[in-house]
Amino acid sequence: MSLPALALVRTCGDVASAVAQVPAVAGVGQVLGPEGKSLLLASAANLRKWAGSHLGLGKPVAPGRRPRTNLASLATAFPGEHQFIFRTAEA
């Protein structure tokens, strides 16, 4: 069994359009920071929802709950250097 190819989405300062390019399917997503270092790696049932929630585009959290770490400031601070890499679960 071969794995699906990796796909790359650059943030380039516009987080919303970058998230729109991520497919809404199950898979593994990774957020890379400067010099290609991994900031976050996780499997998700919906990659677009996962990416949006980590970039401040998700639903507001319930009162009393801790919000997710918002990586949007990192993603836009160095345009072109930060990116998502994802592999979908579809073969």
PDB file of N, CA and C in Angstrom:
ATOM      1  N   MET A   1       0.845  -1.178   0.000  1.00  0.00           N
ATOM      2  CA  MET A   1       0.000   0.000   0.000  1.00  0.00           C
ATOM      3  C   MET A   1       0.890   1.240   0.000  1.00  0.00           C
ATOM      4  N   SER A   2       0.630   2.149  -0.908  1.00  0.00           N
ATOM      5  CA  SER A   2       1.401   3.381  -0.942  1.00  0.00           C
ATOM      6  C   SER A   2       0.599   4.513  -0.317  1.00  0.00           C
ATOM      7  N   LEU A   3       1.290   5.433   0.296  1.00  0.00           N
ATOM      8  CA  LEU A   3       0.636   6.580   0.929  1.00  0.00           C
ATOM      9  C   LEU A   3       0.332   7.645  -0.109  1.00  0.00           C
ATOM     10  N   PRO A   4      -0.735   8.432   0.114  1.00  0.00           N
ATOM     11  CA  PRO A   4      -0.990   9.556  -0.785  1.00  0.00           C
ATOM     12  C   PRO A   4       0.156  10.560  -0.704  1.00  0.00           C
ATOM     13  N   ALA A   5       0.344  11.296  -1.771  1.00  0.00           N
ATOM     14  CA  ALA A   5       1.422  12.284  -1.816  1.00  0.00           C
ATOM     15  C   ALA A   5       1.184  13.382  -0.793  1.00  0.00           C
ATOM     16  N   LEU A   6       2.275  13.975  -0.327  1.00  0.00           N
ATOM     17  CA  LEU A   6       2.171  15.122   0.567  1.00  0.00           C
ATOM     18  C   LEU A   6       1.751  16.341  -0.239  1.00  0.00           C
ATOM     19  N   ALA A   7       0.941  17.174   0.347  1.00  0.00           N
ATOM     20  CA  ALA A   7       0.533  18.421  -0.286  1.00  0.00           C
ATOM     21  C   ALA A   7       0.993  19.569   0.609  1.00  0.00           C
ATOM     22  N   LEU A   8       1.330  20.692   0.006  1.00  0.00           N
ATOM     23  CA  LEU A   8       1.884  21.829   0.716  1.00  0.00           C
ATOM     24  C   LEU A   8       1.001  23.050   0.482  1.00  0.00           C
ATOM     25  N   VAL A   9       0.678  23.777   1.560  1.00  0.00           N
ATOM     26  CA  VAL A   9      -0.088  25.022   1.461  1.00  0.00           C
ATOM     27  C   VAL A   9       0.693  26.086   2.213  1.00  0.00           C
ATOM     28  N   ARG A  10       1.121  27.128   1.523  1.00  0.00           N
ATOM     29  CA  ARG A  10       1.842  28.236   2.164  1.00  0.00           C
ATOM     30  C   ARG A  10       0.837  29.261   2.679  1.00  0.00           C
ATOM     31  N   THR A  11       1.123  29.837   3.842  1.00  0.00           N
ATOM     32  CA  THR A  11       0.207  30.823   4.402  1.00  0.00           C
ATOM     33  C   THR A  11       0.367  32.185   3.741  1.00  0.00           C
ATOM     34  N   CYS A  12       1.564  32.624   3.461  1.00  0.00           N
ATOM     35  CA  CYS A  12       1.846  33.900   2.778  1.00  0.00           C
ATOM     36  C   CYS A  12       1.056  35.069   3.345  1.00  0.00           C
ATOM     37  N   GLY A  13       0.847  35.106   4.640  1.00  0.00           N
ATOM     38  CA  GLY A  13       0.194  36.239   5.288  1.00  0.00           C
ATOM     39  C   GLY A  13      -1.315  36.208   5.279  1.00  0.00           C
ATOM     40  N   ASP A  14      -1.942  35.445   4.378  1.00  0.00           N
ATOM     41  CA  ASP A  14      -3.404  35.383   4.310  1.00  0.00           C
ATOM     42  C   ASP A  14      -3.859  34.025   4.810  1.00  0.00           C
ATOM     43  N   VAL A  15      -4.140  33.947   6.101  1.00  0.00           N
ATOM     44  CA  VAL A  15      -4.463  32.684   6.747  1.00  0.00           C
ATOM     45  C   VAL A  15      -5.768  32.087   6.211  1.00  0.00           C
ATOM     46  N   ALA A  16      -6.790  32.908   6.012  1.00  0.00           N
ATOM     47  CA  ALA A  16      -8.094  32.401   5.579  1.00  0.00           C
ATOM     48  C   ALA A  16      -8.017  31.729   4.210  1.00  0.00           C
ATOM     49  N   SER A  17      -7.308  32.314   3.266  1.00  0.00           N
ATOM     50  CA  SER A  17      -7.210  31.694   1.943  1.00  0.00           C
ATOM     51  C   SER A  17      -6.339  30.445   1.981  1.00  0.00           C
ATOM     52  N   ALA A  18      -5.342  30.407   2.861  1.00  0.00           N
ATOM     53  CA  ALA A  18      -4.516  29.209   3.010  1.00  0.00           C
ATOM     54  C   ALA A  18      -5.350  28.061   3.562  1.00  0.00           C
ATOM     55  N   VAL A  19      -6.177  28.345   4.558  1.00  0.00           N
ATOM     56  CA  VAL A  19      -7.022  27.303   5.147  1.00  0.00           C
ATOM     57  C   VAL A  19      -8.045  26.806   4.123  1.00  0.00           C
ATOM     58  N   ALA A  20      -8.548  27.682   3.268  1.00  0.00           N
ATOM     59  CA  ALA A  20      -9.512  27.283   2.244  1.00  0.00           C
ATOM     60  C   ALA A  20      -8.911  26.289   1.256  1.00  0.00           C
ATOM     61  N   GLN A  21      -7.592  26.271   1.102  1.00  0.00           N
ATOM     62  CA  GLN A  21      -6.928  25.336   0.194  1.00  0.00           C
ATOM     63  C   GLN A  21      -6.741  23.951   0.796  1.00  0.00           C
ATOM     64  N   VAL A  22      -6.882  23.840   2.099  1.00  0.00           N
ATOM     65  CA  VAL A  22      -6.732  22.551   2.778  1.00  0.00           C
ATOM     66  C   VAL A  22      -8.017  21.749   2.585  1.00  0.00           C
ATOM     67  N   PRO A  23      -7.925  20.481   2.179  1.00  0.00           N
ATOM     68  CA  PRO A  23      -9.141  19.692   1.965  1.00  0.00           C
ATOM     69  C   PRO A  23      -9.864  19.378   3.270  1.00  0.00           C
ATOM     70  N   ALA A  24     -11.178  19.263   3.200  1.00  0.00           N
ATOM     71  CA  ALA A  24     -12.004  18.955   4.375  1.00  0.00           C
ATOM     72  C   ALA A  24     -12.191  17.446   4.485  1.00  0.00           C
ATOM     73  N   VAL A  25     -11.088  16.718   4.574  1.00  0.00           N
ATOM     74  CA  VAL A  25     -11.107  15.258   4.677  1.00  0.00           C
ATOM     75  C   VAL A  25     -10.190  14.827   5.813  1.00  0.00           C
ATOM     76  N   ALA A  26     -10.257  13.557   6.159  1.00  0.00           N
ATOM     77  CA  ALA A  26      -9.389  13.017   7.204  1.00  0.00           C
ATOM     78  C   ALA A  26      -7.959  12.923   6.697  1.00  0.00           C
ATOM     79  N   GLY A  27      -7.002  13.096   7.599  1.00  0.00           N
ATOM     80  CA  GLY A  27      -5.601  12.977   7.224  1.00  0.00           C
ATOM     81  C   GLY A  27      -4.685  13.418   8.331  1.00  0.00           C
ATOM     82  N   VAL A  28      -3.441  13.647   7.979  1.00  0.00           N
ATOM     83  CA  VAL A  28      -2.425  14.098   8.921  1.00  0.00           C
ATOM     84  C   VAL A  28      -1.964  15.478   8.476  1.00  0.00           C
ATOM     85  N   GLY A  29      -1.937  16.425   9.412  1.00  0.00           N
ATOM     86  CA  GLY A  29      -1.512  17.786   9.100  1.00  0.00           C
ATOM     87  C   GLY A  29      -0.323  18.189   9.935  1.00  0.00           C
ATOM     88  N   GLN A  30       0.507  19.038   9.362  1.00  0.00           N
ATOM     89  CA  GLN A  30       1.684  19.533  10.065  1.00  0.00           C
ATOM     90  C   GLN A  30       1.828  21.017   9.762  1.00  0.00           C
ATOM     91  N   VAL A  31       2.170  21.788  10.773  1.00  0.00           N
ATOM     92  CA  VAL A  31       2.450  23.205  10.595  1.00  0.00           C
ATOM     93  C   VAL A  31       3.950  23.364  10.776  1.00  0.00           C
ATOM     94  N   LEU A  32       4.604  23.932   9.758  1.00  0.00           N
ATOM     95  CA  LEU A  32       6.046  24.157   9.818  1.00  0.00           C
ATOM     96  C   LEU A  32       6.334  25.613  10.095  1.00  0.00           C
ATOM     97  N   GLY A  33       7.355  25.851  10.872  1.00  0.00           N
ATOM     98  CA  GLY A  33       7.773  27.209  11.190  1.00  0.00           C
ATOM     99  C   GLY A  33       9.035  27.580  10.447  1.00  0.00           C
ATOM    100  N   PRO A  34       9.746  28.591  10.938  1.00  0.00           N
ATOM    101  CA  PRO A  34      10.984  29.012  10.292  1.00  0.00           C
ATOM    102  C   PRO A  34      11.978  27.860  10.191  1.00  0.00           C
ATOM    103  N   GLU A  35      12.714  27.854   9.115  1.00  0.00           N
ATOM    104  CA  GLU A  35      13.748  26.843   8.867  1.00  0.00           C
ATOM    105  C   GLU A  35      13.170  25.436   8.772  1.00  0.00           C
ATOM    106  N   GLY A  36      11.863  25.312   8.503  1.00  0.00           N
ATOM    107  CA  GLY A  36      11.247  24.006   8.326  1.00  0.00           C
ATOM    108  C   GLY A  36      11.032  23.218   9.598  1.00  0.00           C
ATOM    109  N   LYS A  37      11.141  23.866  10.747  1.00  0.00           N
ATOM    110  CA  LYS A  37      10.943  23.163  12.015  1.00  0.00           C
ATOM    111  C   LYS A  37       9.456  22.965  12.275  1.00  0.00           C
ATOM    112  N   SER A  38       9.111  21.806  12.804  1.00  0.00           N
ATOM    113  CA  SER A  38       7.720  21.463  13.063  1.00  0.00           C
ATOM    114  C   SER A  38       7.183  22.212  14.282  1.00  0.00           C
ATOM    115  N   LEU A  39       6.050  22.904  14.103  1.00  0.00           N
ATOM    116  CA  LEU A  39       5.374  23.567  15.213  1.00  0.00           C
ATOM    117  C   LEU A  39       4.253  22.699  15.767  1.00  0.00           C
ATOM    118  N   LEU A  40       3.641  21.909  14.892  1.00  0.00           N
ATOM    119  CA  LEU A  40       2.480  21.129  15.283  1.00  0.00           C
ATOM    120  C   LEU A  40       2.300  19.992  14.298  1.00  0.00           C
ATOM    121  N   LEU A  41       1.973  18.790  14.787  1.00  0.00           N
ATOM    122  CA  LEU A  41       1.738  17.622  13.955  1.00  0.00           C
ATOM    123  C   LEU A  41       0.604  16.834  14.581  1.00  0.00           C
ATOM    124  N   ALA A  42      -0.432  16.507  13.796  1.00  0.00           N
ATOM    125  CA  ALA A  42      -1.567  15.774  14.352  1.00  0.00           C
ATOM    126  C   ALA A  42      -2.381  15.119  13.248  1.00  0.00           C
ATOM    127  N   SER A  43      -3.102  14.076  13.619  1.00  0.00           N
ATOM    128  CA  SER A  43      -4.078  13.486  12.703  1.00  0.00           C
ATOM    129  C   SER A  43      -5.423  14.144  12.992  1.00  0.00           C
ATOM    130  N   ALA A  44      -6.249  14.260  11.969  1.00  0.00           N
ATOM    131  CA  ALA A  44      -7.529  14.945  12.132  1.00  0.00           C
ATOM    132  C   ALA A  44      -8.584  14.304  11.240  1.00  0.00           C
ATOM    133  N   ALA A  45      -9.824  14.330  11.701  1.00  0.00           N
ATOM    134  CA  ALA A  45     -10.938  13.834  10.893  1.00  0.00           C
ATOM    135  C   ALA A  45     -11.276  14.822   9.785  1.00  0.00           C
ATOM    136  N   ASN A  46     -11.004  16.111  10.002  1.00  0.00           N
ATOM    137  CA  ASN A  46     -11.257  17.152   9.012  1.00  0.00           C
ATOM    138  C   ASN A  46     -10.067  18.112   9.039  1.00  0.00           C
ATOM    139  N   LEU A  47      -9.199  18.001   8.044  1.00  0.00           N
ATOM    140  CA  LEU A  47      -7.969  18.796   8.040  1.00  0.00           C
ATOM    141  C   LEU A  47      -8.234  20.297   7.974  1.00  0.00           C
ATOM    142  N   ARG A  48      -9.241  20.719   7.210  1.00  0.00           N
ATOM    143  CA  ARG A  48      -9.536  22.156   7.097  1.00  0.00           C
ATOM    144  C   ARG A  48      -9.980  22.717   8.448  1.00  0.00           C
ATOM    145  N   LYS A  49     -10.852  21.993   9.135  1.00  0.00           N
ATOM    146  CA  LYS A  49     -11.326  22.436  10.449  1.00  0.00           C
ATOM    147  C   LYS A  49     -10.161  22.463  11.443  1.00  0.00           C
ATOM    148  N   TRP A  50      -9.301  21.464  11.388  1.00  0.00           N
ATOM    149  CA  TRP A  50      -8.144  21.393  12.269  1.00  0.00           C
ATOM    150  C   TRP A  50      -7.220  22.581  12.037  1.00  0.00           C
ATOM    151  N   ALA A  51      -6.898  22.856  10.775  1.00  0.00           N
ATOM    152  CA  ALA A  51      -6.005  23.967  10.454  1.00  0.00           C
ATOM    153  C   ALA A  51      -6.617  25.298  10.890  1.00  0.00           C
ATOM    154  N   GLY A  52      -7.890  25.496  10.606  1.00  0.00           N
ATOM    155  CA  GLY A  52      -8.561  26.741  10.986  1.00  0.00           C
ATOM    156  C   GLY A  52      -8.595  26.955  12.489  1.00  0.00           C
ATOM    157  N   SER A  53      -8.797  25.879  13.227  1.00  0.00           N
ATOM    158  CA  SER A  53      -8.885  26.016  14.682  1.00  0.00           C
ATOM    159  C   SER A  53      -7.544  26.416  15.293  1.00  0.00           C
ATOM    160  N   HIS A  54      -6.438  26.053  14.656  1.00  0.00           N
ATOM    161  CA  HIS A  54      -5.123  26.419  15.169  1.00  0.00           C
ATOM    162  C   HIS A  54      -4.636  27.763  14.648  1.00  0.00           C
ATOM    163  N   LEU A  55      -5.415  28.370  13.744  1.00  0.00           N
ATOM    164  CA  LEU A  55      -5.046  29.674  13.203  1.00  0.00           C
ATOM    165  C   LEU A  55      -6.085  30.736  13.534  1.00  0.00           C
ATOM    166  N   GLY A  56      -6.856  30.511  14.579  1.00  0.00           N
ATOM    167  CA  GLY A  56      -7.802  31.512  15.052  1.00  0.00           C
ATOM    168  C   GLY A  56      -9.069  31.640  14.235  1.00  0.00           C
ATOM    169  N   LEU A  57      -9.363  30.661  13.365  1.00  0.00           N
ATOM    170  CA  LEU A  57     -10.557  30.731  12.530  1.00  0.00           C
ATOM    171  C   LEU A  57     -11.653  29.773  12.984  1.00  0.00           C
ATOM    172  N   GLY A  58     -11.449  29.082  14.088  1.00  0.00           N
ATOM    173  CA  GLY A  58     -12.426  28.122  14.582  1.00  0.00           C
ATOM    174  C   GLY A  58     -13.534  28.780  15.382  1.00  0.00           C
ATOM    175  N   LYS A  59     -14.441  27.934  15.843  1.00  0.00           N
ATOM    176  CA  LYS A  59     -15.542  28.424  16.676  1.00  0.00           C
ATOM    177  C   LYS A  59     -14.995  28.917  18.009  1.00  0.00           C
ATOM    178  N   PRO A  60     -15.652  29.900  18.612  1.00  0.00           N
ATOM    179  CA  PRO A  60     -15.229  30.345  19.948  1.00  0.00           C
ATOM    180  C   PRO A  60     -15.397  29.201  20.957  1.00  0.00           C
ATOM    181  N   VAL A  61     -14.525  29.150  21.931  1.00  0.00           N
ATOM    182  CA  VAL A  61     -14.607  28.092  22.940  1.00  0.00           C
ATOM    183  C   VAL A  61     -15.685  28.434  23.963  1.00  0.00           C
ATOM    184  N   ALA A  62     -16.185  27.413  24.605  1.00  0.00           N
ATOM    185  CA  ALA A  62     -17.205  27.584  25.643  1.00  0.00           C
ATOM    186  C   ALA A  62     -16.591  28.317  26.838  1.00  0.00           C
ATOM    187  N   PRO A  63     -17.387  29.101  27.557  1.00  0.00           N
ATOM    188  CA  PRO A  63     -16.867  29.786  28.747  1.00  0.00           C
ATOM    189  C   PRO A  63     -16.270  28.786  29.736  1.00  0.00           C
ATOM    190  N   GLY A  64     -15.126  29.141  30.277  1.00  0.00           N
ATOM    191  CA  GLY A  64     -14.457  28.276  31.232  1.00  0.00           C
ATOM    192  C   GLY A  64     -13.507  27.272  30.602  1.00  0.00           C
ATOM    193  N   ARG A  65     -13.492  27.176  29.274  1.00  0.00           N
ATOM    194  CA  ARG A  65     -12.600  26.245  28.576  1.00  0.00           C
ATOM    195  C   ARG A  65     -11.378  27.001  28.078  1.00  0.00           C
ATOM    196  N   ARG A  66     -10.259  26.334  28.028  1.00  0.00           N
ATOM    197  CA  ARG A  66      -9.022  26.943  27.536  1.00  0.00           C
ATOM    198  C   ARG A  66      -9.040  26.933  26.006  1.00  0.00           C
ATOM    199  N   PRO A  67      -8.817  28.081  25.366  1.00  0.00           N
ATOM    200  CA  PRO A  67      -8.790  28.100  23.900  1.00  0.00           C
ATOM    201  C   PRO A  67      -7.523  27.453  23.349  1.00  0.00           C
ATOM    202  N   ARG A  68      -7.592  26.996  22.100  1.00  0.00           N
ATOM    203  CA  ARG A  68      -6.409  26.443  21.441  1.00  0.00           C
ATOM    204  C   ARG A  68      -5.366  27.543  21.271  1.00  0.00           C
ATOM    205  N   THR A  69      -4.129  27.145  21.195  1.00  0.00           N
ATOM    206  CA  THR A  69      -3.065  28.101  20.907  1.00  0.00           C
ATOM    207  C   THR A  69      -3.262  28.625  19.499  1.00  0.00           C
ATOM    208  N   ASN A  70      -3.300  29.930  19.349  1.00  0.00           N
ATOM    209  CA  ASN A  70      -3.511  30.549  18.048  1.00  0.00           C
ATOM    210  C   ASN A  70      -2.147  30.787  17.391  1.00  0.00           C
ATOM    211  N   LEU A  71      -1.861  30.045  16.321  1.00  0.00           N
ATOM    212  CA  LEU A  71      -0.588  30.159  15.626  1.00  0.00           C
ATOM    213  C   LEU A  71      -0.634  31.169  14.488  1.00  0.00           C
ATOM    214  N   ALA A  72      -1.727  31.941  14.373  1.00  0.00           N
ATOM    215  CA  ALA A  72      -1.868  32.888  13.262  1.00  0.00           C
ATOM    216  C   ALA A  72      -0.771  33.943  13.272  1.00  0.00           C
ATOM    217  N   SER A  73      -0.389  34.422  14.443  1.00  0.00           N
ATOM    218  CA  SER A  73       0.658  35.450  14.485  1.00  0.00           C
ATOM    219  C   SER A  73       1.984  34.890  13.984  1.00  0.00           C
ATOM    220  N   LEU A  74       2.268  33.634  14.265  1.00  0.00           N
ATOM    221  CA  LEU A  74       3.479  33.003  13.734  1.00  0.00           C
ATOM    222  C   LEU A  74       3.372  32.795  12.232  1.00  0.00           C
ATOM    223  N   ALA A  75       2.186  32.410  11.784  1.00  0.00           N
ATOM    224  CA  ALA A  75       1.994  32.105  10.367  1.00  0.00           C
ATOM    225  C   ALA A  75       2.095  33.349   9.503  1.00  0.00           C
ATOM    226  N   THR A  76       1.789  34.520  10.046  1.00  0.00           N
ATOM    227  CA  THR A  76       1.840  35.740   9.239  1.00  0.00           C
ATOM    228  C   THR A  76       3.070  36.592   9.535  1.00  0.00           C
ATOM    229  N   ALA A  77       3.827  36.276  10.577  1.00  0.00           N
ATOM    230  CA  ALA A  77       4.988  37.086  10.939  1.00  0.00           C
ATOM    231  C   ALA A  77       6.118  36.945   9.921  1.00  0.00           C
ATOM    232  N   PHE A  78       6.255  35.776   9.343  1.00  0.00           N
ATOM    233  CA  PHE A  78       7.312  35.515   8.368  1.00  0.00           C
ATOM    234  C   PHE A  78       6.668  34.983   7.099  1.00  0.00           C
ATOM    235  N   PRO A  79       6.074  35.848   6.274  1.00  0.00           N
ATOM    236  CA  PRO A  79       5.359  35.385   5.081  1.00  0.00           C
ATOM    237  C   PRO A  79       6.230  34.496   4.201  1.00  0.00           C
ATOM    238  N   GLY A  80       5.624  33.414   3.750  1.00  0.00           N
ATOM    239  CA  GLY A  80       6.312  32.496   2.857  1.00  0.00           C
ATOM    240  C   GLY A  80       7.114  31.433   3.572  1.00  0.00           C
ATOM    241  N   GLU A  81       7.449  31.648   4.832  1.00  0.00           N
ATOM    242  CA  GLU A  81       8.240  30.657   5.550  1.00  0.00           C
ATOM    243  C   GLU A  81       7.375  29.630   6.262  1.00  0.00           C
ATOM    244  N   HIS A  82       6.189  30.019   6.687  1.00  0.00           N
ATOM    245  CA  HIS A  82       5.323  29.102   7.416  1.00  0.00           C
ATOM    246  C   HIS A  82       4.390  28.414   6.442  1.00  0.00           C
ATOM    247  N   GLN A  83       4.119  27.165   6.707  1.00  0.00           N
ATOM    248  CA  GLN A  83       3.303  26.405   5.778  1.00  0.00           C
ATOM    249  C   GLN A  83       2.661  25.211   6.462  1.00  0.00           C
ATOM    250  N   PHE A  84       1.624  24.690   5.812  1.00  0.00           N
ATOM    251  CA  PHE A  84       0.991  23.452   6.224  1.00  0.00           C
ATOM    252  C   PHE A  84       1.450  22.366   5.278  1.00  0.00           C
ATOM    253  N   ILE A  85       1.676  21.196   5.802  1.00  0.00           N
ATOM    254  CA  ILE A  85       1.878  20.023   4.981  1.00  0.00           C
ATOM    255  C   ILE A  85       0.820  19.035   5.425  1.00  0.00           C
ATOM    256  N   PHE A  86       0.147  18.407   4.485  1.00  0.00           N
ATOM    257  CA  PHE A  86      -0.868  17.445   4.871  1.00  0.00           C
ATOM    258  C   PHE A  86      -0.853  16.237   3.951  1.00  0.00           C
ATOM    259  N   ARG A  87      -1.314  15.122   4.479  1.00  0.00           N
ATOM    260  CA  ARG A  87      -1.493  13.886   3.731  1.00  0.00           C
ATOM    261  C   ARG A  87      -2.900  13.408   4.042  1.00  0.00           C
ATOM    262  N   THR A  88      -3.715  13.239   3.021  1.00  0.00           N
ATOM    263  CA  THR A  88      -5.099  12.821   3.243  1.00  0.00           C
ATOM    264  C   THR A  88      -5.152  11.316   3.472  1.00  0.00           C
ATOM    265  N   ALA A  89      -6.237  10.862   4.085  1.00  0.00           N
ATOM    266  CA  ALA A  89      -6.425   9.456   4.361  1.00  0.00           C
ATOM    267  C   ALA A  89      -6.901   8.689   3.122  1.00  0.00           C
ATOM    268  N   GLU A  90      -7.327   9.426   2.104  1.00  0.00           N
ATOM    269  CA  GLU A  90      -7.808   8.782   0.878  1.00  0.00           C
ATOM    270  C   GLU A  90      -6.622   8.238   0.105  1.00  0.00           C
ATOM    271  N   ALA A  91      -6.764   7.010  -0.371  1.00  0.00           N
ATOM    272  CA  ALA A  91      -5.674   6.387  -1.141  1.00  0.00           C
ATOM    273  C   ALA A  91      -5.903   6.515  -2.624  1.00  0.00           C
TER     274      ALA A  91
END
